[in-house]
Amino acid sequence: MVHNNGSYNTASPDRYMLLKEFARKNKQHPTVAERILWEYLRGRKLWFKFNRQHIVGDYIVDFICIEKSLVVEVDGGYHSEYEQMQRDKCRTEHLENMGLRVIRFSNEEILTDIEGVLDNIRNELYNE
């Protein structure tokens, strides 16, 4: 759950340390699409602060704007497989139950239509 002060519940301490290590590795080895999107989100370029590979509950989200309770996920090709789609649906439901809004973009969308992706993110930021 996200609280009014922008904080939220996170994983238990033992699980948190494991997730923190995974997040660190993910930051060191982003996908091409994640790298491109981060260039547009970092440094408050959309007027709001985003964090990348951020731990929320028992999950590591690709990008989050805590101030606006917005999670942006970047989905590679394997996200179109049935089992992964079910896991993504469950993950989205858990994040939404914590008070977050979740939007997803495919690698392909980011690589071929970054302006459209940014327009969608802006809409979510400004039209909550």
N, C-alpha and C. Protein backbone atom coordinates (compact mmCIF):
# COMPACT_ATOMS: atom_id res chain seq x y z
N MET A 1 0.83 -1.17 0.00
CA MET A 1 0.00 0.00 0.00
C MET A 1 0.88 1.24 0.00
N VAL A 2 0.54 2.23 -0.82
CA VAL A 2 1.25 3.50 -0.85
C VAL A 2 0.59 4.41 0.17
N HIS A 3 1.38 5.06 0.98
CA HIS A 3 0.86 5.97 2.00
C HIS A 3 0.93 7.39 1.48
N ASN A 4 0.22 8.30 2.14
CA ASN A 4 0.18 9.70 1.71
C ASN A 4 1.55 10.34 1.63
N ASN A 5 2.49 9.89 2.44
CA ASN A 5 3.82 10.49 2.43
C ASN A 5 4.71 9.88 1.35
N GLY A 6 4.14 9.03 0.49
CA GLY A 6 4.91 8.47 -0.61
C GLY A 6 5.63 7.18 -0.25
N SER A 7 5.54 6.76 1.00
CA SER A 7 6.20 5.50 1.37
C SER A 7 5.23 4.35 1.10
N TYR A 8 5.74 3.13 1.16
CA TYR A 8 4.90 1.98 0.92
C TYR A 8 5.52 0.79 1.63
N ASN A 9 4.71 -0.23 1.77
CA ASN A 9 5.22 -1.45 2.40
C ASN A 9 6.21 -2.11 1.47
N THR A 10 7.24 -2.70 2.03
CA THR A 10 8.23 -3.37 1.21
C THR A 10 8.45 -4.78 1.74
N ALA A 11 9.32 -5.50 1.11
CA ALA A 11 9.56 -6.91 1.44
C ALA A 11 10.17 -7.04 2.83
N SER A 12 10.07 -8.23 3.39
CA SER A 12 10.72 -8.51 4.67
C SER A 12 12.23 -8.32 4.50
N PRO A 13 12.94 -8.01 5.59
CA PRO A 13 14.38 -7.69 5.48
C PRO A 13 15.21 -8.74 4.74
N ASP A 14 14.97 -10.03 4.99
CA ASP A 14 15.77 -11.06 4.31
C ASP A 14 15.46 -11.09 2.81
N ARG A 15 14.21 -10.96 2.46
CA ARG A 15 13.83 -10.94 1.04
C ARG A 15 14.27 -9.64 0.38
N TYR A 16 14.21 -8.56 1.12
CA TYR A 16 14.61 -7.25 0.58
C TYR A 16 16.06 -7.28 0.10
N MET A 17 16.94 -7.87 0.87
CA MET A 17 18.35 -7.92 0.50
C MET A 17 18.55 -8.69 -0.81
N LEU A 18 17.82 -9.77 -0.99
CA LEU A 18 17.89 -10.55 -2.23
C LEU A 18 17.37 -9.70 -3.40
N LEU A 19 16.23 -9.05 -3.21
CA LEU A 19 15.67 -8.20 -4.26
C LEU A 19 16.60 -7.03 -4.58
N LYS A 20 17.23 -6.48 -3.56
CA LYS A 20 18.15 -5.36 -3.77
C LYS A 20 19.31 -5.78 -4.68
N GLU A 21 19.82 -6.98 -4.48
CA GLU A 21 20.91 -7.48 -5.33
C GLU A 21 20.43 -7.67 -6.78
N PHE A 22 19.22 -8.23 -6.94
CA PHE A 22 18.65 -8.38 -8.29
C PHE A 22 18.46 -7.01 -8.95
N ALA A 23 17.96 -6.05 -8.19
CA ALA A 23 17.73 -4.71 -8.73
C ALA A 23 19.06 -4.09 -9.17
N ARG A 24 20.09 -4.27 -8.38
CA ARG A 24 21.41 -3.74 -8.72
C ARG A 24 21.90 -4.34 -10.04
N LYS A 25 21.74 -5.64 -10.19
CA LYS A 25 22.16 -6.30 -11.43
C LYS A 25 21.33 -5.81 -12.62
N ASN A 26 20.02 -5.63 -12.40
CA ASN A 26 19.16 -5.13 -13.48
C ASN A 26 19.56 -3.73 -13.91
N LYS A 27 19.97 -2.90 -12.95
CA LYS A 27 20.41 -1.54 -13.29
C LYS A 27 21.70 -1.57 -14.11
N GLN A 28 22.55 -2.52 -13.79
CA GLN A 28 23.83 -2.63 -14.50
C GLN A 28 23.67 -3.17 -15.92
N HIS A 29 22.60 -3.92 -16.16
CA HIS A 29 22.40 -4.57 -17.45
C HIS A 29 20.99 -4.32 -17.99
N PRO A 30 20.64 -3.05 -18.26
CA PRO A 30 19.30 -2.79 -18.77
C PRO A 30 19.16 -3.27 -20.21
N THR A 31 17.93 -3.51 -20.60
CA THR A 31 17.66 -3.82 -22.00
C THR A 31 17.82 -2.53 -22.80
N VAL A 32 17.90 -2.65 -24.10
CA VAL A 32 18.01 -1.47 -24.95
C VAL A 32 16.79 -0.57 -24.74
N ALA A 33 15.61 -1.17 -24.70
CA ALA A 33 14.38 -0.39 -24.51
C ALA A 33 14.38 0.32 -23.16
N GLU A 34 14.81 -0.37 -22.10
CA GLU A 34 14.87 0.26 -20.78
C GLU A 34 15.85 1.43 -20.79
N ARG A 35 16.98 1.25 -21.43
CA ARG A 35 17.99 2.31 -21.51
C ARG A 35 17.43 3.54 -22.23
N ILE A 36 16.74 3.31 -23.34
CA ILE A 36 16.15 4.42 -24.09
C ILE A 36 15.10 5.15 -23.26
N LEU A 37 14.18 4.40 -22.66
CA LEU A 37 13.12 5.02 -21.88
C LEU A 37 13.70 5.79 -20.69
N TRP A 38 14.71 5.24 -20.03
CA TRP A 38 15.31 5.90 -18.89
C TRP A 38 15.90 7.25 -19.26
N GLU A 39 16.44 7.37 -20.45
CA GLU A 39 16.98 8.66 -20.89
C GLU A 39 15.90 9.73 -20.92
N TYR A 40 14.65 9.35 -21.18
CA TYR A 40 13.55 10.31 -21.22
C TYR A 40 12.92 10.54 -19.85
N LEU A 41 13.07 9.59 -18.93
CA LEU A 41 12.44 9.71 -17.61
C LEU A 41 13.37 10.32 -16.55
N ARG A 42 14.66 10.11 -16.70
CA ARG A 42 15.60 10.53 -15.67
C ARG A 42 15.69 12.05 -15.58
N GLY A 43 16.12 12.51 -14.40
CA GLY A 43 16.36 13.94 -14.22
C GLY A 43 15.12 14.81 -14.32
N ARG A 44 13.97 14.25 -13.95
CA ARG A 44 12.70 15.00 -13.96
C ARG A 44 12.38 15.61 -15.33
N LYS A 45 12.76 14.93 -16.39
CA LYS A 45 12.49 15.45 -17.74
C LYS A 45 11.00 15.55 -18.03
N LEU A 46 10.20 14.74 -17.34
CA LEU A 46 8.74 14.85 -17.46
C LEU A 46 8.15 15.58 -16.24
N TRP A 47 8.99 16.31 -15.52
CA TRP A 47 8.64 17.13 -14.36
C TRP A 47 8.43 16.34 -13.08
N PHE A 48 8.50 15.04 -13.13
CA PHE A 48 8.36 14.23 -11.94
C PHE A 48 9.54 13.28 -11.83
N LYS A 49 9.90 12.94 -10.61
CA LYS A 49 11.04 12.05 -10.37
C LYS A 49 10.62 10.60 -10.60
N PHE A 50 11.45 9.89 -11.35
CA PHE A 50 11.28 8.45 -11.54
C PHE A 50 12.50 7.74 -10.97
N ASN A 51 12.27 6.58 -10.41
CA ASN A 51 13.33 5.67 -9.99
C ASN A 51 13.26 4.46 -10.90
N ARG A 52 14.39 3.82 -11.12
CA ARG A 52 14.39 2.61 -11.95
C ARG A 52 14.81 1.41 -11.12
N GLN A 53 14.32 0.24 -11.51
CA GLN A 53 14.60 -1.01 -10.82
C GLN A 53 14.41 -0.81 -9.32
N HIS A 54 13.20 -0.45 -8.96
CA HIS A 54 12.85 -0.06 -7.60
C HIS A 54 12.04 -1.16 -6.93
N ILE A 55 12.36 -1.45 -5.69
CA ILE A 55 11.67 -2.50 -4.94
C ILE A 55 10.37 -1.95 -4.38
N VAL A 56 9.28 -2.64 -4.69
CA VAL A 56 7.95 -2.30 -4.17
C VAL A 56 7.35 -3.61 -3.70
N GLY A 57 7.13 -3.72 -2.41
CA GLY A 57 6.64 -4.98 -1.88
C GLY A 57 7.62 -6.08 -2.20
N ASP A 58 7.14 -7.15 -2.79
CA ASP A 58 8.01 -8.26 -3.17
C ASP A 58 8.40 -8.21 -4.64
N TYR A 59 8.29 -7.04 -5.26
CA TYR A 59 8.56 -6.91 -6.69
C TYR A 59 9.65 -5.87 -6.94
N ILE A 60 10.29 -6.01 -8.08
CA ILE A 60 11.18 -4.98 -8.59
C ILE A 60 10.47 -4.42 -9.83
N VAL A 61 10.10 -3.16 -9.76
CA VAL A 61 9.43 -2.54 -10.91
C VAL A 61 10.48 -1.85 -11.77
N ASP A 62 10.23 -1.79 -13.07
CA ASP A 62 11.20 -1.18 -13.98
C ASP A 62 11.37 0.30 -13.67
N PHE A 63 10.26 1.04 -13.59
CA PHE A 63 10.30 2.48 -13.31
C PHE A 63 9.12 2.82 -12.42
N ILE A 64 9.33 3.77 -11.50
CA ILE A 64 8.24 4.22 -10.65
C ILE A 64 8.36 5.71 -10.39
N CYS A 65 7.22 6.38 -10.45
CA CYS A 65 7.11 7.76 -9.98
C CYS A 65 6.30 7.66 -8.69
N ILE A 66 7.01 7.71 -7.57
CA ILE A 66 6.36 7.52 -6.28
C ILE A 66 5.34 8.64 -6.03
N GLU A 67 5.70 9.86 -6.38
CA GLU A 67 4.82 11.01 -6.15
C GLU A 67 3.46 10.82 -6.81
N LYS A 68 3.43 10.19 -7.97
CA LYS A 68 2.18 9.98 -8.70
C LYS A 68 1.67 8.54 -8.62
N SER A 69 2.33 7.71 -7.82
CA SER A 69 1.93 6.30 -7.65
C SER A 69 1.80 5.59 -9.00
N LEU A 70 2.77 5.85 -9.87
CA LEU A 70 2.73 5.29 -11.22
C LEU A 70 3.92 4.38 -11.48
N VAL A 71 3.63 3.17 -11.89
CA VAL A 71 4.65 2.18 -12.26
C VAL A 71 4.62 2.05 -13.78
N VAL A 72 5.81 2.07 -14.38
CA VAL A 72 5.95 1.86 -15.82
C VAL A 72 6.77 0.59 -16.02
N GLU A 73 6.18 -0.39 -16.65
CA GLU A 73 6.85 -1.66 -16.90
C GLU A 73 7.20 -1.78 -18.38
N VAL A 74 8.37 -2.34 -18.65
CA VAL A 74 8.84 -2.57 -20.02
C VAL A 74 8.87 -4.08 -20.23
N ASP A 75 8.10 -4.54 -21.19
CA ASP A 75 7.93 -5.98 -21.41
C ASP A 75 8.66 -6.46 -22.65
N GLY A 76 9.56 -7.41 -22.45
CA GLY A 76 10.24 -8.06 -23.56
C GLY A 76 9.34 -9.09 -24.21
N GLY A 77 9.85 -9.75 -25.23
CA GLY A 77 9.07 -10.71 -26.00
C GLY A 77 8.46 -11.84 -25.19
N TYR A 78 9.17 -12.29 -24.15
CA TYR A 78 8.66 -13.42 -23.36
C TYR A 78 7.39 -13.06 -22.59
N HIS A 79 7.07 -11.78 -22.49
CA HIS A 79 5.85 -11.37 -21.79
C HIS A 79 4.60 -11.72 -22.57
N SER A 80 4.75 -12.13 -23.84
CA SER A 80 3.59 -12.52 -24.63
C SER A 80 3.28 -14.00 -24.48
N GLU A 81 4.11 -14.73 -23.75
CA GLU A 81 3.84 -16.14 -23.47
C GLU A 81 2.75 -16.24 -22.40
N TYR A 82 1.87 -17.23 -22.54
CA TYR A 82 0.69 -17.34 -21.68
C TYR A 82 1.04 -17.31 -20.19
N GLU A 83 1.99 -18.14 -19.77
CA GLU A 83 2.33 -18.20 -18.34
C GLU A 83 2.85 -16.87 -17.83
N GLN A 84 3.67 -16.20 -18.62
CA GLN A 84 4.19 -14.91 -18.20
C GLN A 84 3.08 -13.86 -18.17
N MET A 85 2.15 -13.95 -19.09
CA MET A 85 1.01 -13.03 -19.08
C MET A 85 0.20 -13.19 -17.80
N GLN A 86 0.04 -14.42 -17.35
CA GLN A 86 -0.70 -14.68 -16.10
C GLN A 86 0.08 -14.11 -14.90
N ARG A 87 1.39 -14.30 -14.89
CA ARG A 87 2.21 -13.75 -13.80
C ARG A 87 2.17 -12.23 -13.81
N ASP A 88 2.23 -11.64 -15.00
CA ASP A 88 2.16 -10.18 -15.12
C ASP A 88 0.82 -9.66 -14.61
N LYS A 89 -0.25 -10.37 -14.94
CA LYS A 89 -1.59 -9.96 -14.49
C LYS A 89 -1.65 -9.99 -12.96
N CYS A 90 -1.15 -11.03 -12.37
CA CYS A 90 -1.14 -11.17 -10.91
C CYS A 90 -0.29 -10.06 -10.28
N ARG A 91 0.86 -9.83 -10.85
CA ARG A 91 1.78 -8.79 -10.36
C ARG A 91 1.09 -7.42 -10.43
N THR A 92 0.45 -7.13 -11.56
CA THR A 92 -0.25 -5.86 -11.71
C THR A 92 -1.35 -5.72 -10.67
N GLU A 93 -2.10 -6.78 -10.44
CA GLU A 93 -3.17 -6.74 -9.43
C GLU A 93 -2.60 -6.46 -8.04
N HIS A 94 -1.48 -7.10 -7.69
CA HIS A 94 -0.86 -6.85 -6.38
C HIS A 94 -0.41 -5.40 -6.26
N LEU A 95 0.23 -4.89 -7.30
CA LEU A 95 0.69 -3.50 -7.28
C LEU A 95 -0.49 -2.53 -7.18
N GLU A 96 -1.56 -2.82 -7.91
CA GLU A 96 -2.74 -1.97 -7.85
C GLU A 96 -3.39 -2.03 -6.46
N ASN A 97 -3.35 -3.19 -5.84
CA ASN A 97 -3.88 -3.32 -4.47
C ASN A 97 -3.05 -2.52 -3.47
N MET A 98 -1.81 -2.20 -3.82
CA MET A 98 -0.97 -1.34 -2.99
C MET A 98 -1.22 0.13 -3.27
N GLY A 99 -2.13 0.43 -4.18
CA GLY A 99 -2.46 1.81 -4.49
C GLY A 99 -1.70 2.39 -5.66
N LEU A 100 -1.05 1.54 -6.44
CA LEU A 100 -0.27 2.00 -7.59
C LEU A 100 -1.05 1.82 -8.88
N ARG A 101 -0.79 2.66 -9.86
CA ARG A 101 -1.29 2.47 -11.22
C ARG A 101 -0.14 1.88 -12.02
N VAL A 102 -0.43 0.93 -12.86
CA VAL A 102 0.60 0.24 -13.64
C VAL A 102 0.28 0.37 -15.12
N ILE A 103 1.29 0.83 -15.88
CA ILE A 103 1.16 0.84 -17.34
C ILE A 103 2.32 0.04 -17.91
N ARG A 104 2.05 -0.64 -19.00
CA ARG A 104 3.04 -1.52 -19.62
C ARG A 104 3.26 -1.13 -21.07
N PHE A 105 4.52 -1.24 -21.48
CA PHE A 105 4.89 -1.01 -22.87
C PHE A 105 5.79 -2.14 -23.30
N SER A 106 5.65 -2.56 -24.54
CA SER A 106 6.55 -3.58 -25.08
C SER A 106 7.85 -2.92 -25.49
N ASN A 107 8.90 -3.73 -25.56
CA ASN A 107 10.18 -3.23 -26.09
C ASN A 107 9.95 -2.59 -27.45
N GLU A 108 9.15 -3.27 -28.28
CA GLU A 108 8.88 -2.81 -29.64
C GLU A 108 8.26 -1.41 -29.66
N GLU A 109 7.29 -1.18 -28.75
CA GLU A 109 6.67 0.15 -28.69
C GLU A 109 7.71 1.23 -28.37
N ILE A 110 8.58 0.94 -27.43
CA ILE A 110 9.60 1.91 -27.03
C ILE A 110 10.59 2.15 -28.17
N LEU A 111 10.98 1.09 -28.84
CA LEU A 111 11.97 1.21 -29.91
C LEU A 111 11.42 1.88 -31.16
N THR A 112 10.12 1.74 -31.41
CA THR A 112 9.57 2.27 -32.67
C THR A 112 8.67 3.49 -32.49
N ASP A 113 8.19 3.75 -31.28
CA ASP A 113 7.26 4.86 -31.08
C ASP A 113 7.47 5.50 -29.71
N ILE A 114 8.69 5.97 -29.44
CA ILE A 114 8.99 6.53 -28.12
C ILE A 114 8.10 7.74 -27.82
N GLU A 115 7.76 8.54 -28.82
CA GLU A 115 6.90 9.71 -28.58
C GLU A 115 5.51 9.28 -28.14
N GLY A 116 4.98 8.22 -28.74
CA GLY A 116 3.68 7.70 -28.32
C GLY A 116 3.73 7.17 -26.89
N VAL A 117 4.81 6.47 -26.56
CA VAL A 117 5.00 5.96 -25.20
C VAL A 117 5.05 7.12 -24.21
N LEU A 118 5.83 8.14 -24.53
CA LEU A 118 5.95 9.30 -23.63
C LEU A 118 4.62 10.03 -23.50
N ASP A 119 3.85 10.12 -24.57
CA ASP A 119 2.52 10.74 -24.49
C ASP A 119 1.63 9.97 -23.52
N ASN A 120 1.67 8.64 -23.59
CA ASN A 120 0.88 7.81 -22.67
C ASN A 120 1.33 8.01 -21.22
N ILE A 121 2.62 8.09 -21.00
CA ILE A 121 3.13 8.30 -19.64
C ILE A 121 2.71 9.69 -19.15
N ARG A 122 2.85 10.71 -20.00
CA ARG A 122 2.42 12.07 -19.62
C ARG A 122 0.94 12.08 -19.25
N ASN A 123 0.12 11.40 -20.05
CA ASN A 123 -1.32 11.34 -19.75
C ASN A 123 -1.56 10.74 -18.37
N GLU A 124 -0.86 9.70 -18.04
CA GLU A 124 -1.01 9.07 -16.71
C GLU A 124 -0.52 10.00 -15.60
N LEU A 125 0.56 10.72 -15.84
CA LEU A 125 1.10 11.63 -14.83
C LEU A 125 0.19 12.81 -14.56
N TYR A 126 -0.39 13.36 -15.61
CA TYR A 126 -1.16 14.59 -15.47
C TYR A 126 -2.66 14.39 -15.36
N ASN A 127 -3.15 13.22 -15.68
CA ASN A 127 -4.58 12.95 -15.64
C ASN A 127 -4.93 11.80 -14.71
N GLU A 128 -4.36 11.85 -13.54
CA GLU A 128 -4.62 10.77 -12.59
C GLU A 128 -6.04 10.83 -12.17
